[in-house]
mmCIF file of all heavy atoms, coordinates in Angstrom:
data_MODEL
# 
_entry.id   MODEL 
# 
loop_
_atom_site.group_PDB 
_atom_site.id 
_atom_site.type_symbol 
_atom_site.label_atom_id 
_atom_site.label_alt_id 
_atom_site.label_comp_id 
_atom_site.label_asym_id 
_atom_site.label_entity_id 
_atom_site.label_seq_id 
_atom_site.pdbx_PDB_ins_code 
_atom_site.Cartn_x 
_atom_site.Cartn_y 
_atom_site.Cartn_z 
_atom_site.occupancy 
_atom_site.B_iso_or_equiv 
_atom_site.pdbx_formal_charge 
_atom_site.auth_seq_id 
_atom_site.auth_comp_id 
_atom_site.auth_asym_id 
_atom_site.auth_atom_id 
_atom_site.pdbx_PDB_model_num 
ATOM 1   N N   . ARG A 1 1  ? -31.430 -56.799 -15.988 1.00 0.00 ? 1  ARG A N   1 
ATOM 2   C CA  . ARG A 1 1  ? -30.825 -56.786 -14.653 1.00 0.00 ? 1  ARG A CA  1 
ATOM 3   C C   . ARG A 1 1  ? -30.107 -55.462 -14.391 1.00 0.00 ? 1  ARG A C   1 
ATOM 4   O O   . ARG A 1 1  ? -29.758 -54.729 -15.317 1.00 0.00 ? 1  ARG A O   1 
ATOM 5   C CB  . ARG A 1 1  ? -29.809 -57.920 -14.532 1.00 0.00 ? 1  ARG A CB  1 
ATOM 6   C CG  . ARG A 1 1  ? -30.395 -59.336 -14.682 1.00 0.00 ? 1  ARG A CG  1 
ATOM 7   C CD  . ARG A 1 1  ? -31.038 -59.803 -13.393 1.00 0.00 ? 1  ARG A CD  1 
ATOM 8   N NE  . ARG A 1 1  ? -31.416 -61.199 -13.451 1.00 0.00 ? 1  ARG A NE  1 
ATOM 9   C CZ  . ARG A 1 1  ? -30.643 -62.213 -13.068 1.00 0.00 ? 1  ARG A CZ  1 
ATOM 10  N NH1 . ARG A 1 1  ? -29.420 -61.982 -12.622 1.00 0.00 ? 1  ARG A NH1 1 
ATOM 11  N NH2 . ARG A 1 1  ? -31.085 -63.453 -13.116 1.00 0.00 ? 1  ARG A NH2 1 
ATOM 12  N N   . SER A 1 2  ? -29.860 -55.180 -13.133 1.00 0.00 ? 2  SER A N   1 
ATOM 13  C CA  . SER A 1 2  ? -29.052 -54.020 -12.754 1.00 0.00 ? 2  SER A CA  1 
ATOM 14  C C   . SER A 1 2  ? -27.593 -54.406 -12.937 1.00 0.00 ? 2  SER A C   1 
ATOM 15  O O   . SER A 1 2  ? -27.049 -55.190 -12.150 1.00 0.00 ? 2  SER A O   1 
ATOM 16  C CB  . SER A 1 2  ? -29.314 -53.625 -11.302 1.00 0.00 ? 2  SER A CB  1 
ATOM 17  O OG  . SER A 1 2  ? -30.657 -53.226 -11.127 1.00 0.00 ? 2  SER A OG  1 
ATOM 18  N N   . ALA A 1 3  ? -26.981 -53.905 -13.980 1.00 0.00 ? 3  ALA A N   1 
ATOM 19  C CA  . ALA A 1 3  ? -25.601 -54.269 -14.287 1.00 0.00 ? 3  ALA A CA  1 
ATOM 20  C C   . ALA A 1 3  ? -24.945 -53.148 -15.069 1.00 0.00 ? 3  ALA A C   1 
ATOM 21  O O   . ALA A 1 3  ? -25.608 -52.432 -15.816 1.00 0.00 ? 3  ALA A O   1 
ATOM 22  C CB  . ALA A 1 3  ? -25.564 -55.568 -15.104 1.00 0.00 ? 3  ALA A CB  1 
ATOM 23  N N   . ILE A 1 4  ? -23.650 -53.001 -14.884 1.00 0.00 ? 4  ILE A N   1 
ATOM 24  C CA  . ILE A 1 4  ? -22.887 -51.975 -15.592 1.00 0.00 ? 4  ILE A CA  1 
ATOM 25  C C   . ILE A 1 4  ? -21.663 -52.624 -16.222 1.00 0.00 ? 4  ILE A C   1 
ATOM 26  O O   . ILE A 1 4  ? -20.783 -53.128 -15.530 1.00 0.00 ? 4  ILE A O   1 
ATOM 27  C CB  . ILE A 1 4  ? -22.439 -50.852 -14.640 1.00 0.00 ? 4  ILE A CB  1 
ATOM 28  C CG1 . ILE A 1 4  ? -23.656 -50.141 -14.030 1.00 0.00 ? 4  ILE A CG1 1 
ATOM 29  C CG2 . ILE A 1 4  ? -21.561 -49.843 -15.385 1.00 0.00 ? 4  ILE A CG2 1 
ATOM 30  C CD1 . ILE A 1 4  ? -23.299 -49.046 -13.048 1.00 0.00 ? 4  ILE A CD1 1 
ATOM 31  N N   . ALA A 1 5  ? -21.634 -52.630 -17.538 1.00 0.00 ? 5  ALA A N   1 
ATOM 32  C CA  . ALA A 1 5  ? -20.491 -53.168 -18.257 1.00 0.00 ? 5  ALA A CA  1 
ATOM 33  C C   . ALA A 1 5  ? -19.452 -52.058 -18.442 1.00 0.00 ? 5  ALA A C   1 
ATOM 34  O O   . ALA A 1 5  ? -19.790 -50.962 -18.877 1.00 0.00 ? 5  ALA A O   1 
ATOM 35  C CB  . ALA A 1 5  ? -20.927 -53.712 -19.619 1.00 0.00 ? 5  ALA A CB  1 
ATOM 36  N N   . VAL A 1 6  ? -18.225 -52.351 -18.115 1.00 0.00 ? 6  VAL A N   1 
ATOM 37  C CA  . VAL A 1 6  ? -17.160 -51.355 -18.226 1.00 0.00 ? 6  VAL A CA  1 
ATOM 38  C C   . VAL A 1 6  ? -16.268 -51.703 -19.417 1.00 0.00 ? 6  VAL A C   1 
ATOM 39  O O   . VAL A 1 6  ? -15.448 -52.615 -19.352 1.00 0.00 ? 6  VAL A O   1 
ATOM 40  C CB  . VAL A 1 6  ? -16.326 -51.278 -16.938 1.00 0.00 ? 6  VAL A CB  1 
ATOM 41  C CG1 . VAL A 1 6  ? -15.190 -50.273 -17.104 1.00 0.00 ? 6  VAL A CG1 1 
ATOM 42  C CG2 . VAL A 1 6  ? -17.210 -50.888 -15.763 1.00 0.00 ? 6  VAL A CG2 1 
ATOM 43  N N   . ASP A 1 7  ? -16.469 -50.971 -20.509 1.00 0.00 ? 7  ASP A N   1 
ATOM 44  C CA  . ASP A 1 7  ? -15.587 -51.115 -21.663 1.00 0.00 ? 7  ASP A CA  1 
ATOM 45  C C   . ASP A 1 7  ? -14.589 -49.958 -21.647 1.00 0.00 ? 7  ASP A C   1 
ATOM 46  O O   . ASP A 1 7  ? -14.497 -49.218 -20.668 1.00 0.00 ? 7  ASP A O   1 
ATOM 47  C CB  . ASP A 1 7  ? -16.399 -51.156 -22.966 1.00 0.00 ? 7  ASP A CB  1 
ATOM 48  C CG  . ASP A 1 7  ? -17.125 -49.838 -23.241 1.00 0.00 ? 7  ASP A CG  1 
ATOM 49  O OD1 . ASP A 1 7  ? -17.048 -48.903 -22.396 1.00 0.00 ? 7  ASP A OD1 1 
ATOM 50  O OD2 . ASP A 1 7  ? -17.759 -49.736 -24.302 1.00 0.00 ? 7  ASP A OD2 1 
ATOM 51  N N   . THR A 1 8  ? -13.839 -49.790 -22.726 1.00 0.00 ? 8  THR A N   1 
ATOM 52  C CA  . THR A 1 8  ? -12.830 -48.730 -22.745 1.00 0.00 ? 8  THR A CA  1 
ATOM 53  C C   . THR A 1 8  ? -13.452 -47.340 -22.638 1.00 0.00 ? 8  THR A C   1 
ATOM 54  O O   . THR A 1 8  ? -12.876 -46.441 -22.027 1.00 0.00 ? 8  THR A O   1 
ATOM 55  C CB  . THR A 1 8  ? -11.990 -48.810 -24.029 1.00 0.00 ? 8  THR A CB  1 
ATOM 56  O OG1 . THR A 1 8  ? -12.854 -48.754 -25.172 1.00 0.00 ? 8  THR A OG1 1 
ATOM 57  C CG2 . THR A 1 8  ? -11.187 -50.095 -24.083 1.00 0.00 ? 8  THR A CG2 1 
ATOM 58  N N   . HIS A 1 9  ? -14.637 -47.158 -23.236 1.00 0.00 ? 9  HIS A N   1 
ATOM 59  C CA  . HIS A 1 9  ? -15.299 -45.848 -23.177 1.00 0.00 ? 9  HIS A CA  1 
ATOM 60  C C   . HIS A 1 9  ? -15.742 -45.535 -21.744 1.00 0.00 ? 9  HIS A C   1 
ATOM 61  O O   . HIS A 1 9  ? -15.504 -44.434 -21.237 1.00 0.00 ? 9  HIS A O   1 
ATOM 62  C CB  . HIS A 1 9  ? -16.522 -45.826 -24.097 1.00 0.00 ? 9  HIS A CB  1 
ATOM 63  C CG  . HIS A 1 9  ? -16.199 -45.976 -25.548 1.00 0.00 ? 9  HIS A CG  1 
ATOM 64  N ND1 . HIS A 1 9  ? -15.378 -45.104 -26.225 1.00 0.00 ? 9  HIS A ND1 1 
ATOM 65  C CD2 . HIS A 1 9  ? -16.595 -46.900 -26.463 1.00 0.00 ? 9  HIS A CD2 1 
ATOM 66  C CE1 . HIS A 1 9  ? -15.281 -45.479 -27.489 1.00 0.00 ? 9  HIS A CE1 1 
ATOM 67  N NE2 . HIS A 1 9  ? -16.000 -46.573 -27.653 1.00 0.00 ? 9  HIS A NE2 1 
ATOM 68  N N   . VAL A 1 10 ? -16.401 -46.489 -21.105 1.00 0.00 ? 10 VAL A N   1 
ATOM 69  C CA  . VAL A 1 10 ? -16.883 -46.276 -19.737 1.00 0.00 ? 10 VAL A CA  1 
ATOM 70  C C   . VAL A 1 10 ? -15.711 -46.067 -18.792 1.00 0.00 ? 10 VAL A C   1 
ATOM 71  O O   . VAL A 1 10 ? -15.748 -45.194 -17.909 1.00 0.00 ? 10 VAL A O   1 
ATOM 72  C CB  . VAL A 1 10 ? -17.750 -47.467 -19.280 1.00 0.00 ? 10 VAL A CB  1 
ATOM 73  C CG1 . VAL A 1 10 ? -18.145 -47.319 -17.812 1.00 0.00 ? 10 VAL A CG1 1 
ATOM 74  C CG2 . VAL A 1 10 ? -19.005 -47.573 -20.145 1.00 0.00 ? 10 VAL A CG2 1 
ATOM 75  N N   . PHE A 1 11 ? -14.662 -46.828 -18.973 1.00 0.00 ? 11 PHE A N   1 
ATOM 76  C CA  . PHE A 1 11 ? -13.472 -46.690 -18.116 1.00 0.00 ? 11 PHE A CA  1 
ATOM 77  C C   . PHE A 1 11 ? -12.870 -45.296 -18.269 1.00 0.00 ? 11 PHE A C   1 
ATOM 78  O O   . PHE A 1 11 ? -12.579 -44.621 -17.269 1.00 0.00 ? 11 PHE A O   1 
ATOM 79  C CB  . PHE A 1 11 ? -12.441 -47.754 -18.506 1.00 0.00 ? 11 PHE A CB  1 
ATOM 80  C CG  . PHE A 1 11 ? -11.271 -47.856 -17.566 1.00 0.00 ? 11 PHE A CG  1 
ATOM 81  C CD1 . PHE A 1 11 ? -11.310 -48.713 -16.478 1.00 0.00 ? 11 PHE A CD1 1 
ATOM 82  C CD2 . PHE A 1 11 ? -10.125 -47.100 -17.762 1.00 0.00 ? 11 PHE A CD2 1 
ATOM 83  C CE1 . PHE A 1 11 ? -10.227 -48.816 -15.606 1.00 0.00 ? 11 PHE A CE1 1 
ATOM 84  C CE2 . PHE A 1 11 ? -9.043  -47.183 -16.901 1.00 0.00 ? 11 PHE A CE2 1 
ATOM 85  C CZ  . PHE A 1 11 ? -9.096  -48.050 -15.814 1.00 0.00 ? 11 PHE A CZ  1 
ATOM 86  N N   . ARG A 1 12 ? -12.714 -44.852 -19.513 1.00 0.00 ? 12 ARG A N   1 
ATOM 87  C CA  . ARG A 1 12 ? -12.099 -43.538 -19.775 1.00 0.00 ? 12 ARG A CA  1 
ATOM 88  C C   . ARG A 1 12 ? -12.956 -42.397 -19.233 1.00 0.00 ? 12 ARG A C   1 
ATOM 89  O O   . ARG A 1 12 ? -12.447 -41.510 -18.529 1.00 0.00 ? 12 ARG A O   1 
ATOM 90  C CB  . ARG A 1 12 ? -11.901 -43.365 -21.286 1.00 0.00 ? 12 ARG A CB  1 
ATOM 91  C CG  . ARG A 1 12 ? -11.288 -42.024 -21.668 1.00 0.00 ? 12 ARG A CG  1 
ATOM 92  C CD  . ARG A 1 12 ? -11.062 -41.912 -23.153 1.00 0.00 ? 12 ARG A CD  1 
ATOM 93  N NE  . ARG A 1 12 ? -12.298 -41.864 -23.944 1.00 0.00 ? 12 ARG A NE  1 
ATOM 94  C CZ  . ARG A 1 12 ? -12.760 -42.871 -24.660 1.00 0.00 ? 12 ARG A CZ  1 
ATOM 95  N NH1 . ARG A 1 12 ? -12.125 -44.031 -24.698 1.00 0.00 ? 12 ARG A NH1 1 
ATOM 96  N NH2 . ARG A 1 12 ? -13.875 -42.737 -25.348 1.00 0.00 ? 12 ARG A NH2 1 
ATOM 97  N N   . VAL A 1 13 ? -14.235 -42.397 -19.550 1.00 0.00 ? 13 VAL A N   1 
ATOM 98  C CA  . VAL A 1 13 ? -15.113 -41.303 -19.130 1.00 0.00 ? 13 VAL A CA  1 
ATOM 99  C C   . VAL A 1 13 ? -15.242 -41.255 -17.613 1.00 0.00 ? 13 VAL A C   1 
ATOM 100 O O   . VAL A 1 13 ? -15.259 -40.170 -17.013 1.00 0.00 ? 13 VAL A O   1 
ATOM 101 C CB  . VAL A 1 13 ? -16.499 -41.439 -19.792 1.00 0.00 ? 13 VAL A CB  1 
ATOM 102 C CG1 . VAL A 1 13 ? -17.481 -40.426 -19.204 1.00 0.00 ? 13 VAL A CG1 1 
ATOM 103 C CG2 . VAL A 1 13 ? -16.382 -41.254 -21.300 1.00 0.00 ? 13 VAL A CG2 1 
ATOM 104 N N   . SER A 1 14 ? -15.325 -42.410 -16.983 1.00 0.00 ? 14 SER A N   1 
ATOM 105 C CA  . SER A 1 14 ? -15.457 -42.447 -15.526 1.00 0.00 ? 14 SER A CA  1 
ATOM 106 C C   . SER A 1 14 ? -14.274 -41.765 -14.855 1.00 0.00 ? 14 SER A C   1 
ATOM 107 O O   . SER A 1 14 ? -14.436 -41.055 -13.850 1.00 0.00 ? 14 SER A O   1 
ATOM 108 C CB  . SER A 1 14 ? -15.578 -43.901 -15.050 1.00 0.00 ? 14 SER A CB  1 
ATOM 109 O OG  . SER A 1 14 ? -16.751 -44.499 -15.547 1.00 0.00 ? 14 SER A OG  1 
ATOM 110 N N   . HIS A 1 15 ? -13.081 -41.952 -15.410 1.00 0.00 ? 15 HIS A N   1 
ATOM 111 C CA  . HIS A 1 15 ? -11.894 -41.299 -14.847 1.00 0.00 ? 15 HIS A CA  1 
ATOM 112 C C   . HIS A 1 15 ? -11.832 -39.829 -15.236 1.00 0.00 ? 15 HIS A C   1 
ATOM 113 O O   . HIS A 1 15 ? -11.551 -38.967 -14.389 1.00 0.00 ? 15 HIS A O   1 
ATOM 114 C CB  . HIS A 1 15 ? -10.629 -42.025 -15.318 1.00 0.00 ? 15 HIS A CB  1 
ATOM 115 C CG  . HIS A 1 15 ? -10.329 -43.267 -14.528 1.00 0.00 ? 15 HIS A CG  1 
ATOM 116 N ND1 . HIS A 1 15 ? -9.710  -43.242 -13.303 1.00 0.00 ? 15 HIS A ND1 1 
ATOM 117 C CD2 . HIS A 1 15 ? -10.594 -44.572 -14.784 1.00 0.00 ? 15 HIS A CD2 1 
ATOM 118 C CE1 . HIS A 1 15 ? -9.592  -44.467 -12.833 1.00 0.00 ? 15 HIS A CE1 1 
ATOM 119 N NE2 . HIS A 1 15 ? -10.121 -45.296 -13.712 1.00 0.00 ? 15 HIS A NE2 1 
ATOM 120 N N   . ARG A 1 16 ? -12.110 -39.504 -16.468 1.00 0.00 ? 16 ARG A N   1 
ATOM 121 C CA  . ARG A 1 16 ? -12.009 -38.112 -16.910 1.00 0.00 ? 16 ARG A CA  1 
ATOM 122 C C   . ARG A 1 16 ? -12.984 -37.210 -16.177 1.00 0.00 ? 16 ARG A C   1 
ATOM 123 O O   . ARG A 1 16 ? -12.665 -36.063 -15.867 1.00 0.00 ? 16 ARG A O   1 
ATOM 124 C CB  . ARG A 1 16 ? -12.258 -38.030 -18.418 1.00 0.00 ? 16 ARG A CB  1 
ATOM 125 C CG  . ARG A 1 16 ? -11.036 -38.377 -19.259 1.00 0.00 ? 16 ARG A CG  1 
ATOM 126 C CD  . ARG A 1 16 ? -11.298 -38.113 -20.721 1.00 0.00 ? 16 ARG A CD  1 
ATOM 127 N NE  . ARG A 1 16 ? -10.105 -38.340 -21.528 1.00 0.00 ? 16 ARG A NE  1 
ATOM 128 C CZ  . ARG A 1 16 ? -10.109 -38.367 -22.845 1.00 0.00 ? 16 ARG A CZ  1 
ATOM 129 N NH1 . ARG A 1 16 ? -11.235 -38.172 -23.517 1.00 0.00 ? 16 ARG A NH1 1 
ATOM 130 N NH2 . ARG A 1 16 ? -8.996  -38.581 -23.515 1.00 0.00 ? 16 ARG A NH2 1 
ATOM 131 N N   . LEU A 1 17 ? -14.179 -37.707 -15.907 1.00 0.00 ? 17 LEU A N   1 
ATOM 132 C CA  . LEU A 1 17 ? -15.190 -36.890 -15.235 1.00 0.00 ? 17 LEU A CA  1 
ATOM 133 C C   . LEU A 1 17 ? -15.076 -36.958 -13.713 1.00 0.00 ? 17 LEU A C   1 
ATOM 134 O O   . LEU A 1 17 ? -15.869 -36.341 -13.002 1.00 0.00 ? 17 LEU A O   1 
ATOM 135 C CB  . LEU A 1 17 ? -16.596 -37.327 -15.660 1.00 0.00 ? 17 LEU A CB  1 
ATOM 136 C CG  . LEU A 1 17 ? -16.980 -37.045 -17.111 1.00 0.00 ? 17 LEU A CG  1 
ATOM 137 C CD1 . LEU A 1 17 ? -18.439 -37.474 -17.363 1.00 0.00 ? 17 LEU A CD1 1 
ATOM 138 C CD2 . LEU A 1 17 ? -16.810 -35.570 -17.456 1.00 0.00 ? 17 LEU A CD2 1 
ATOM 139 N N   . GLY A 1 18 ? -14.107 -37.713 -13.226 1.00 0.00 ? 18 GLY A N   1 
ATOM 140 C CA  . GLY A 1 18 ? -13.932 -37.804 -11.778 1.00 0.00 ? 18 GLY A CA  1 
ATOM 141 C C   . GLY A 1 18 ? -15.029 -38.597 -11.097 1.00 0.00 ? 18 GLY A C   1 
ATOM 142 O O   . GLY A 1 18 ? -15.313 -38.387 -9.911  1.00 0.00 ? 18 GLY A O   1 
ATOM 143 N N   . LEU A 1 19 ? -15.638 -39.526 -11.838 1.00 0.00 ? 19 LEU A N   1 
ATOM 144 C CA  . LEU A 1 19 ? -16.681 -40.364 -11.246 1.00 0.00 ? 19 LEU A CA  1 
ATOM 145 C C   . LEU A 1 19 ? -16.089 -41.465 -10.384 1.00 0.00 ? 19 LEU A C   1 
ATOM 146 O O   . LEU A 1 19 ? -16.760 -42.025 -9.520  1.00 0.00 ? 19 LEU A O   1 
ATOM 147 C CB  . LEU A 1 19 ? -17.549 -40.989 -12.349 1.00 0.00 ? 19 LEU A CB  1 
ATOM 148 C CG  . LEU A 1 19 ? -18.286 -40.017 -13.269 1.00 0.00 ? 19 LEU A CG  1 
ATOM 149 C CD1 . LEU A 1 19 ? -19.066 -40.800 -14.334 1.00 0.00 ? 19 LEU A CD1 1 
ATOM 150 C CD2 . LEU A 1 19 ? -19.236 -39.120 -12.472 1.00 0.00 ? 19 LEU A CD2 1 
ATOM 151 N N   . VAL A 1 20 ? -14.838 -41.761 -10.634 1.00 0.00 ? 20 VAL A N   1 
ATOM 152 C CA  . VAL A 1 20 ? -14.140 -42.783 -9.859  1.00 0.00 ? 20 VAL A CA  1 
ATOM 153 C C   . VAL A 1 20 ? -12.780 -42.234 -9.451  1.00 0.00 ? 20 VAL A C   1 
ATOM 154 O O   . VAL A 1 20 ? -12.232 -41.354 -10.117 1.00 0.00 ? 20 VAL A O   1 
ATOM 155 C CB  . VAL A 1 20 ? -13.950 -44.084 -10.672 1.00 0.00 ? 20 VAL A CB  1 
ATOM 156 C CG1 . VAL A 1 20 ? -15.300 -44.669 -11.081 1.00 0.00 ? 20 VAL A CG1 1 
ATOM 157 C CG2 . VAL A 1 20 ? -13.093 -43.847 -11.912 1.00 0.00 ? 20 VAL A CG2 1 
ATOM 158 N N   . PRO A 1 21 ? -12.199 -42.727 -8.367  1.00 0.00 ? 21 PRO A N   1 
ATOM 159 C CA  . PRO A 1 21 ? -10.868 -42.263 -7.959  1.00 0.00 ? 21 PRO A CA  1 
ATOM 160 C C   . PRO A 1 21 ? -9.787  -42.881 -8.829  1.00 0.00 ? 21 PRO A C   1 
ATOM 161 O O   . PRO A 1 21 ? -10.022 -43.864 -9.545  1.00 0.00 ? 21 PRO A O   1 
ATOM 162 C CB  . PRO A 1 21 ? -10.775 -42.773 -6.511  1.00 0.00 ? 21 PRO A CB  1 
ATOM 163 C CG  . PRO A 1 21 ? -11.626 -44.003 -6.493  1.00 0.00 ? 21 PRO A CG  1 
ATOM 164 C CD  . PRO A 1 21 ? -12.781 -43.693 -7.408  1.00 0.00 ? 21 PRO A CD  1 
ATOM 165 N N   . LYS A 1 22 ? -8.600  -42.312 -8.776  1.00 0.00 ? 22 LYS A N   1 
ATOM 166 C CA  . LYS A 1 22 ? -7.484  -42.838 -9.563  1.00 0.00 ? 22 LYS A CA  1 
ATOM 167 C C   . LYS A 1 22 ? -7.148  -44.278 -9.182  1.00 0.00 ? 22 LYS A C   1 
ATOM 168 O O   . LYS A 1 22 ? -6.613  -45.035 -9.991  1.00 0.00 ? 22 LYS A O   1 
ATOM 169 C CB  . LYS A 1 22 ? -6.251  -41.960 -9.372  1.00 0.00 ? 22 LYS A CB  1 
ATOM 170 C CG  . LYS A 1 22 ? -6.374  -40.571 -9.980  1.00 0.00 ? 22 LYS A CG  1 
ATOM 171 C CD  . LYS A 1 22 ? -5.083  -39.779 -9.785  1.00 0.00 ? 22 LYS A CD  1 
ATOM 172 C CE  . LYS A 1 22 ? -5.187  -38.394 -10.400 1.00 0.00 ? 22 LYS A CE  1 
ATOM 173 N NZ  . LYS A 1 22 ? -3.948  -37.609 -10.210 1.00 0.00 ? 22 LYS A NZ  1 
ATOM 174 N N   . THR A 1 23 ? -7.471  -44.634 -7.945  1.00 0.00 ? 23 THR A N   1 
ATOM 175 C CA  . THR A 1 23 ? -7.182  -45.993 -7.484  1.00 0.00 ? 23 THR A CA  1 
ATOM 176 C C   . THR A 1 23 ? -8.088  -47.033 -8.133  1.00 0.00 ? 23 THR A C   1 
ATOM 177 O O   . THR A 1 23 ? -7.809  -48.230 -8.041  1.00 0.00 ? 23 THR A O   1 
ATOM 178 C CB  . THR A 1 23 ? -7.342  -46.078 -5.955  1.00 0.00 ? 23 THR A CB  1 
ATOM 179 O OG1 . THR A 1 23 ? -8.631  -45.576 -5.579  1.00 0.00 ? 23 THR A OG1 1 
ATOM 180 C CG2 . THR A 1 23 ? -6.260  -45.264 -5.253  1.00 0.00 ? 23 THR A CG2 1 
ATOM 181 N N   . ALA A 1 24 ? -9.149  -46.586 -8.802  1.00 0.00 ? 24 ALA A N   1 
ATOM 182 C CA  . ALA A 1 24 ? -10.026 -47.519 -9.524  1.00 0.00 ? 24 ALA A CA  1 
ATOM 183 C C   . ALA A 1 24 ? -9.369  -47.828 -10.863 1.00 0.00 ? 24 ALA A C   1 
ATOM 184 O O   . ALA A 1 24 ? -9.796  -47.383 -11.923 1.00 0.00 ? 24 ALA A O   1 
ATOM 185 C CB  . ALA A 1 24 ? -11.411 -46.917 -9.712  1.00 0.00 ? 24 ALA A CB  1 
# 
């Protein structure tokens, strides 16, 4: 299925690379 699991690694990288806003 089309799905994205957000663990600690995904959460951290998404913020560090600016893939998501700080409000996420």
